N, C-alpha and C. Protein backbone atom coordinates (compact mmCIF):
# COMPACT_ATOMS: atom_id res chain seq x y z
N UNK A 1 79.62 105.65 115.00
CA UNK A 1 79.43 105.75 113.58
C UNK A 1 78.50 106.92 113.26
N UNK A 2 77.57 107.21 114.17
CA UNK A 2 76.63 108.30 113.92
C UNK A 2 77.34 109.64 113.75
N UNK A 3 78.35 109.88 114.58
CA UNK A 3 79.07 111.16 114.49
C UNK A 3 79.78 111.28 113.15
N UNK A 4 80.36 110.17 112.68
CA UNK A 4 81.02 110.17 111.38
C UNK A 4 80.04 110.40 110.26
N UNK A 5 78.83 109.88 110.39
CA UNK A 5 77.81 110.11 109.37
C UNK A 5 77.36 111.56 109.39
N UNK A 6 77.23 112.14 110.57
CA UNK A 6 76.82 113.53 110.69
C UNK A 6 77.80 114.47 110.00
N UNK A 7 79.10 114.23 110.18
CA UNK A 7 80.10 115.11 109.57
C UNK A 7 80.41 114.76 108.13
N UNK A 8 79.85 113.65 107.63
CA UNK A 8 80.07 113.27 106.24
C UNK A 8 81.27 112.38 106.01
N UNK A 9 81.99 112.01 107.08
CA UNK A 9 83.16 111.14 106.93
C UNK A 9 82.74 109.70 106.63
N UNK A 10 81.55 109.32 107.08
CA UNK A 10 80.99 108.00 106.81
C UNK A 10 79.66 108.25 106.10
N UNK A 11 79.45 107.66 104.91
CA UNK A 11 78.20 107.90 104.18
C UNK A 11 76.97 107.57 105.03
N UNK A 12 75.98 108.43 104.98
CA UNK A 12 74.75 108.21 105.75
C UNK A 12 74.03 106.95 105.28
N UNK A 13 74.27 106.55 104.03
CA UNK A 13 73.61 105.37 103.47
C UNK A 13 74.41 104.09 103.72
N UNK A 14 75.50 104.19 104.45
CA UNK A 14 76.35 103.02 104.71
C UNK A 14 75.53 101.95 105.41
N UNK A 15 75.73 100.71 104.96
CA UNK A 15 74.97 99.62 105.57
C UNK A 15 75.38 99.45 107.04
N UNK A 16 74.47 98.95 107.83
CA UNK A 16 74.76 98.71 109.24
C UNK A 16 75.73 97.55 109.37
N UNK A 17 76.42 97.52 110.49
CA UNK A 17 77.31 96.39 110.76
C UNK A 17 76.46 95.13 110.90
N UNK A 18 77.00 94.00 110.45
CA UNK A 18 76.24 92.75 110.43
C UNK A 18 76.51 91.87 111.64
N UNK A 19 77.57 92.14 112.36
CA UNK A 19 77.95 91.27 113.47
C UNK A 19 79.07 90.32 113.10
N UNK A 20 79.44 90.30 111.81
CA UNK A 20 80.54 89.45 111.36
C UNK A 20 81.85 90.24 111.34
N UNK A 21 81.81 91.48 111.76
CA UNK A 21 83.00 92.32 111.78
C UNK A 21 83.67 92.25 113.15
N UNK A 22 84.93 92.65 113.17
CA UNK A 22 85.67 92.80 114.42
C UNK A 22 85.99 94.28 114.55
N UNK A 23 85.98 94.80 115.76
CA UNK A 23 86.30 96.21 115.96
C UNK A 23 87.37 96.36 117.03
N UNK A 24 88.27 97.30 116.79
CA UNK A 24 89.23 97.73 117.79
C UNK A 24 88.83 99.15 118.16
N UNK A 25 88.72 99.41 119.43
CA UNK A 25 88.30 100.74 119.89
C UNK A 25 89.44 101.37 120.68
N UNK A 26 89.82 102.57 120.27
CA UNK A 26 90.82 103.34 121.03
C UNK A 26 90.06 104.19 122.03
N UNK A 27 90.44 104.08 123.29
CA UNK A 27 89.77 104.89 124.30
C UNK A 27 90.76 105.30 125.37
N UNK A 28 90.40 106.33 126.08
CA UNK A 28 91.25 106.89 127.14
C UNK A 28 90.47 106.83 128.45
N UNK A 29 91.15 106.37 129.49
CA UNK A 29 90.51 106.31 130.81
C UNK A 29 90.33 107.72 131.37
N UNK A 30 89.19 107.94 131.99
CA UNK A 30 88.91 109.20 132.68
C UNK A 30 88.47 108.85 134.10
N UNK A 31 88.27 109.84 134.93
CA UNK A 31 87.85 109.58 136.30
C UNK A 31 86.48 108.91 136.37
N UNK A 32 85.63 109.17 135.39
CA UNK A 32 84.28 108.61 135.43
C UNK A 32 84.02 107.60 134.32
N UNK A 33 85.05 106.95 133.83
CA UNK A 33 84.84 105.92 132.80
C UNK A 33 85.87 106.00 131.70
N UNK A 34 85.40 105.90 130.47
CA UNK A 34 86.27 105.94 129.31
C UNK A 34 85.73 106.89 128.26
N UNK A 35 86.64 107.51 127.54
CA UNK A 35 86.30 108.40 126.44
C UNK A 35 86.74 107.69 125.16
N UNK A 36 85.82 107.52 124.20
CA UNK A 36 86.17 106.85 122.95
C UNK A 36 86.88 107.83 122.03
N UNK A 37 88.06 107.41 121.53
CA UNK A 37 88.87 108.24 120.64
C UNK A 37 88.66 107.89 119.18
N UNK A 38 88.48 106.61 118.89
CA UNK A 38 88.33 106.18 117.51
C UNK A 38 88.03 104.70 117.43
N UNK A 39 87.79 104.23 116.20
CA UNK A 39 87.44 102.83 116.00
C UNK A 39 87.97 102.33 114.65
N UNK A 40 88.34 101.08 114.63
CA UNK A 40 88.74 100.37 113.42
C UNK A 40 87.81 99.17 113.30
N UNK A 41 87.14 99.02 112.16
CA UNK A 41 86.22 97.91 111.94
C UNK A 41 86.71 97.12 110.73
N UNK A 42 86.82 95.81 110.87
CA UNK A 42 87.34 94.99 109.78
C UNK A 42 86.68 93.61 109.76
N UNK A 43 86.82 92.92 108.63
CA UNK A 43 86.26 91.58 108.48
C UNK A 43 87.05 90.82 107.43
N UNK A 44 86.69 89.56 107.22
CA UNK A 44 87.37 88.68 106.28
C UNK A 44 86.43 88.36 105.12
N UNK A 45 86.49 89.12 104.00
CA UNK A 45 85.58 88.89 102.88
C UNK A 45 85.91 87.62 102.09
N UNK A 46 87.15 87.19 102.17
CA UNK A 46 87.57 85.94 101.55
C UNK A 46 88.70 85.37 102.41
N UNK A 47 88.91 84.06 102.36
CA UNK A 47 89.93 83.46 103.22
C UNK A 47 91.30 84.13 103.07
N UNK A 48 91.87 84.52 104.20
CA UNK A 48 93.20 85.09 104.23
C UNK A 48 93.30 86.59 104.02
N UNK A 49 92.18 87.25 103.72
CA UNK A 49 92.19 88.70 103.46
C UNK A 49 91.46 89.42 104.59
N UNK A 50 92.15 90.34 105.24
CA UNK A 50 91.51 91.21 106.22
C UNK A 50 91.19 92.52 105.51
N UNK A 51 89.91 92.89 105.47
CA UNK A 51 89.47 94.14 104.85
C UNK A 51 89.15 95.13 105.97
N UNK A 52 89.90 96.23 106.01
CA UNK A 52 89.64 97.31 106.97
C UNK A 52 88.49 98.12 106.41
N UNK A 53 87.32 97.93 106.97
CA UNK A 53 86.10 98.53 106.46
C UNK A 53 85.95 99.98 106.88
N UNK A 54 86.42 100.30 108.08
CA UNK A 54 86.24 101.66 108.56
C UNK A 54 87.34 102.00 109.57
N UNK A 55 87.89 103.18 109.44
CA UNK A 55 88.83 103.73 110.41
C UNK A 55 88.34 105.15 110.68
N UNK A 56 87.85 105.37 111.89
CA UNK A 56 87.28 106.67 112.23
C UNK A 56 87.85 107.16 113.54
N UNK A 57 88.29 108.41 113.55
CA UNK A 57 88.80 109.05 114.77
C UNK A 57 87.90 110.24 115.07
N UNK A 58 87.47 110.32 116.31
CA UNK A 58 86.63 111.45 116.73
C UNK A 58 87.37 112.75 116.42
N UNK A 59 86.66 113.76 115.90
CA UNK A 59 87.31 115.00 115.46
C UNK A 59 88.25 115.63 116.48
N UNK A 60 87.89 115.62 117.74
CA UNK A 60 88.74 116.28 118.73
C UNK A 60 90.03 115.52 119.03
N UNK A 61 90.16 114.29 118.50
CA UNK A 61 91.38 113.51 118.73
C UNK A 61 92.20 113.28 117.46
N UNK A 62 91.82 113.93 116.39
CA UNK A 62 92.57 113.79 115.15
C UNK A 62 93.91 114.50 115.26
N UNK A 63 94.86 114.04 114.46
CA UNK A 63 96.22 114.59 114.43
C UNK A 63 96.95 114.36 115.76
N UNK A 64 96.55 113.29 116.47
CA UNK A 64 97.20 112.92 117.73
C UNK A 64 97.66 111.46 117.70
N UNK A 65 97.87 110.92 116.51
CA UNK A 65 98.34 109.55 116.29
C UNK A 65 97.31 108.46 116.61
N UNK A 66 96.07 108.81 116.87
CA UNK A 66 95.05 107.81 117.18
C UNK A 66 94.80 106.93 115.95
N UNK A 67 94.62 107.54 114.78
CA UNK A 67 94.39 106.78 113.56
C UNK A 67 95.57 105.88 113.23
N UNK A 68 96.77 106.41 113.40
CA UNK A 68 97.99 105.63 113.13
C UNK A 68 98.06 104.41 114.06
N UNK A 69 97.77 104.61 115.35
CA UNK A 69 97.80 103.49 116.30
C UNK A 69 96.73 102.46 115.98
N UNK A 70 95.55 102.92 115.58
CA UNK A 70 94.50 101.97 115.19
C UNK A 70 94.92 101.17 113.96
N UNK A 71 95.54 101.83 113.00
CA UNK A 71 96.01 101.15 111.80
C UNK A 71 97.08 100.11 112.16
N UNK A 72 98.03 100.49 113.03
CA UNK A 72 99.08 99.55 113.46
C UNK A 72 98.50 98.37 114.24
N UNK A 73 97.54 98.63 115.11
CA UNK A 73 96.93 97.55 115.89
C UNK A 73 96.11 96.62 115.01
N UNK A 74 95.44 97.18 114.01
CA UNK A 74 94.68 96.34 113.08
C UNK A 74 95.63 95.45 112.29
N UNK A 75 96.74 96.03 111.85
CA UNK A 75 97.74 95.25 111.11
C UNK A 75 98.34 94.18 112.02
N UNK A 76 98.64 94.51 113.27
CA UNK A 76 99.18 93.53 114.21
C UNK A 76 98.20 92.37 114.43
N UNK A 77 96.92 92.70 114.49
CA UNK A 77 95.89 91.66 114.61
C UNK A 77 95.92 90.75 113.38
N UNK A 78 96.00 91.35 112.20
CA UNK A 78 96.04 90.57 110.96
C UNK A 78 97.24 89.62 110.95
N UNK A 79 98.38 90.12 111.36
CA UNK A 79 99.60 89.29 111.41
C UNK A 79 99.43 88.18 112.45
N UNK A 80 98.93 88.51 113.63
CA UNK A 80 98.79 87.50 114.70
C UNK A 80 97.79 86.41 114.32
N UNK A 81 96.81 86.76 113.50
CA UNK A 81 95.81 85.78 113.06
C UNK A 81 96.20 85.12 111.74
N UNK A 82 97.40 85.39 111.27
CA UNK A 82 98.00 84.79 110.08
C UNK A 82 97.22 85.08 108.80
N UNK A 83 96.67 86.29 108.70
CA UNK A 83 96.10 86.72 107.42
C UNK A 83 97.25 86.90 106.44
N UNK A 84 97.02 86.62 105.18
CA UNK A 84 98.06 86.77 104.17
C UNK A 84 98.11 88.18 103.61
N UNK A 85 96.98 88.91 103.72
CA UNK A 85 96.90 90.25 103.14
C UNK A 85 95.94 91.11 103.94
N UNK A 86 96.21 92.41 103.95
CA UNK A 86 95.32 93.40 104.56
C UNK A 86 95.09 94.49 103.54
N UNK A 87 93.83 94.87 103.35
CA UNK A 87 93.48 95.91 102.37
C UNK A 87 92.43 96.85 102.94
N UNK A 88 92.36 98.04 102.36
CA UNK A 88 91.31 98.99 102.69
C UNK A 88 91.25 100.04 101.60
N UNK A 89 90.15 100.75 101.55
CA UNK A 89 89.98 101.81 100.55
C UNK A 89 89.67 103.14 101.20
N UNK A 90 89.94 104.19 100.45
CA UNK A 90 89.59 105.54 100.90
C UNK A 90 89.25 106.36 99.66
N UNK A 91 88.52 107.42 99.84
CA UNK A 91 88.22 108.30 98.72
C UNK A 91 89.50 108.96 98.21
N UNK A 92 89.56 109.18 96.92
CA UNK A 92 90.73 109.85 96.34
C UNK A 92 90.95 111.22 96.97
N UNK A 93 89.88 111.85 97.42
CA UNK A 93 89.96 113.19 98.00
C UNK A 93 90.33 113.19 99.49
N UNK A 94 90.44 112.02 100.10
CA UNK A 94 90.74 111.93 101.54
C UNK A 94 92.26 112.01 101.75
N UNK A 95 92.79 113.22 101.66
CA UNK A 95 94.23 113.43 101.77
C UNK A 95 94.79 113.07 103.16
N UNK A 96 94.07 113.32 104.26
CA UNK A 96 94.62 112.91 105.55
C UNK A 96 94.86 111.40 105.63
N UNK A 97 93.93 110.60 105.10
CA UNK A 97 94.12 109.15 105.13
C UNK A 97 95.25 108.72 104.21
N UNK A 98 95.32 109.33 103.05
CA UNK A 98 96.40 108.99 102.11
C UNK A 98 97.76 109.33 102.72
N UNK A 99 97.84 110.45 103.42
CA UNK A 99 99.09 110.83 104.09
C UNK A 99 99.43 109.87 105.22
N UNK A 100 98.42 109.44 105.95
CA UNK A 100 98.62 108.51 107.04
C UNK A 100 99.24 107.21 106.54
N UNK A 101 98.73 106.71 105.43
CA UNK A 101 99.22 105.45 104.87
C UNK A 101 100.66 105.59 104.39
N UNK A 102 101.01 106.73 103.84
CA UNK A 102 102.36 106.94 103.30
C UNK A 102 103.39 107.32 104.38
N UNK A 103 102.94 107.38 105.60
CA UNK A 103 103.81 107.79 106.71
C UNK A 103 104.98 106.83 106.93
N UNK A 104 104.75 105.55 106.72
CA UNK A 104 105.77 104.53 106.97
C UNK A 104 106.26 103.95 105.65
N UNK A 105 107.54 104.12 105.29
CA UNK A 105 108.07 103.55 104.06
C UNK A 105 107.90 102.02 104.05
N UNK A 106 107.43 101.49 102.95
CA UNK A 106 107.23 100.05 102.82
C UNK A 106 105.90 99.55 103.34
N UNK A 107 105.10 100.44 103.88
CA UNK A 107 103.80 100.09 104.46
C UNK A 107 102.73 100.33 103.40
N UNK A 108 101.95 99.35 103.06
CA UNK A 108 100.89 99.47 102.06
C UNK A 108 101.41 100.06 100.76
N UNK A 109 102.41 99.41 100.19
CA UNK A 109 103.04 99.89 98.96
C UNK A 109 102.14 99.74 97.74
N UNK A 110 101.24 98.77 97.75
CA UNK A 110 100.38 98.52 96.60
C UNK A 110 99.10 99.34 96.71
N UNK A 111 98.74 100.02 95.63
CA UNK A 111 97.49 100.77 95.61
C UNK A 111 96.93 100.78 94.19
N UNK A 112 95.60 100.80 94.10
CA UNK A 112 94.90 100.83 92.82
C UNK A 112 93.73 101.80 92.92
N UNK A 113 93.46 102.49 91.83
CA UNK A 113 92.30 103.38 91.78
C UNK A 113 91.10 102.58 91.27
N UNK A 114 89.99 102.68 92.00
CA UNK A 114 88.73 102.04 91.63
C UNK A 114 87.66 103.13 91.67
N UNK A 115 87.36 103.73 90.53
CA UNK A 115 86.39 104.83 90.50
C UNK A 115 86.88 106.01 91.31
N UNK A 116 86.13 106.39 92.33
CA UNK A 116 86.50 107.51 93.21
C UNK A 116 87.29 107.06 94.43
N UNK A 117 87.64 105.77 94.47
CA UNK A 117 88.35 105.23 95.64
C UNK A 117 89.77 104.81 95.30
N UNK A 118 90.61 104.86 96.29
CA UNK A 118 91.98 104.37 96.20
C UNK A 118 92.07 103.21 97.18
N UNK A 119 92.42 102.03 96.67
CA UNK A 119 92.49 100.82 97.50
C UNK A 119 93.95 100.48 97.75
N UNK A 120 94.30 100.37 99.03
CA UNK A 120 95.66 100.01 99.45
C UNK A 120 95.67 98.56 99.89
N UNK A 121 96.78 97.87 99.65
CA UNK A 121 96.90 96.51 100.16
C UNK A 121 98.35 96.21 100.52
N UNK A 122 98.50 95.24 101.40
CA UNK A 122 99.83 94.82 101.84
C UNK A 122 99.81 93.32 102.05
N UNK A 123 100.77 92.63 101.47
CA UNK A 123 100.97 91.20 101.72
C UNK A 123 101.61 91.07 103.10
N UNK A 124 101.08 90.17 103.92
CA UNK A 124 101.56 90.03 105.29
C UNK A 124 102.41 88.79 105.51
N UNK A 125 102.30 87.80 104.62
CA UNK A 125 103.06 86.56 104.78
C UNK A 125 103.43 86.02 103.41
N UNK A 126 104.44 85.16 103.37
CA UNK A 126 104.87 84.58 102.09
C UNK A 126 103.88 83.56 101.56
N UNK A 127 103.18 82.86 102.46
CA UNK A 127 102.21 81.87 102.01
C UNK A 127 100.92 82.04 102.80
N UNK A 128 99.83 81.74 102.16
CA UNK A 128 98.54 81.86 102.83
C UNK A 128 98.41 80.78 103.89
N UNK A 129 98.04 81.18 105.08
CA UNK A 129 97.84 80.23 106.17
C UNK A 129 96.39 80.21 106.61
N UNK A 130 95.58 81.04 106.01
CA UNK A 130 94.14 81.05 106.31
C UNK A 130 93.38 80.75 105.05
């Protein structure tokens, strides 16, 4: 998260993680361990809703499908845990993220503007099971 704050992708004033979040980490095996490529952090602010709080890809791994895979894995987790909806927000000016979301037809079709943010959401099931 520190690297994202340094480059301005994550606000420096962002609150620290509380421990109630879940994270998926994309990493690549190397001869001497693992290299972290990116991270997806999410939580359940209300029953049945998975909120993707942060999706960050290390700069040197951007435009290599890391963000897309993290988004797909987060969505797969939401489906496997029977969340009824998955949502996240991004700045209106974050064109790479907006393009990423529009990559798949029918994926995150619902969006609303909230101030300087664009919030995307997708219904995952016909009835709430959480």
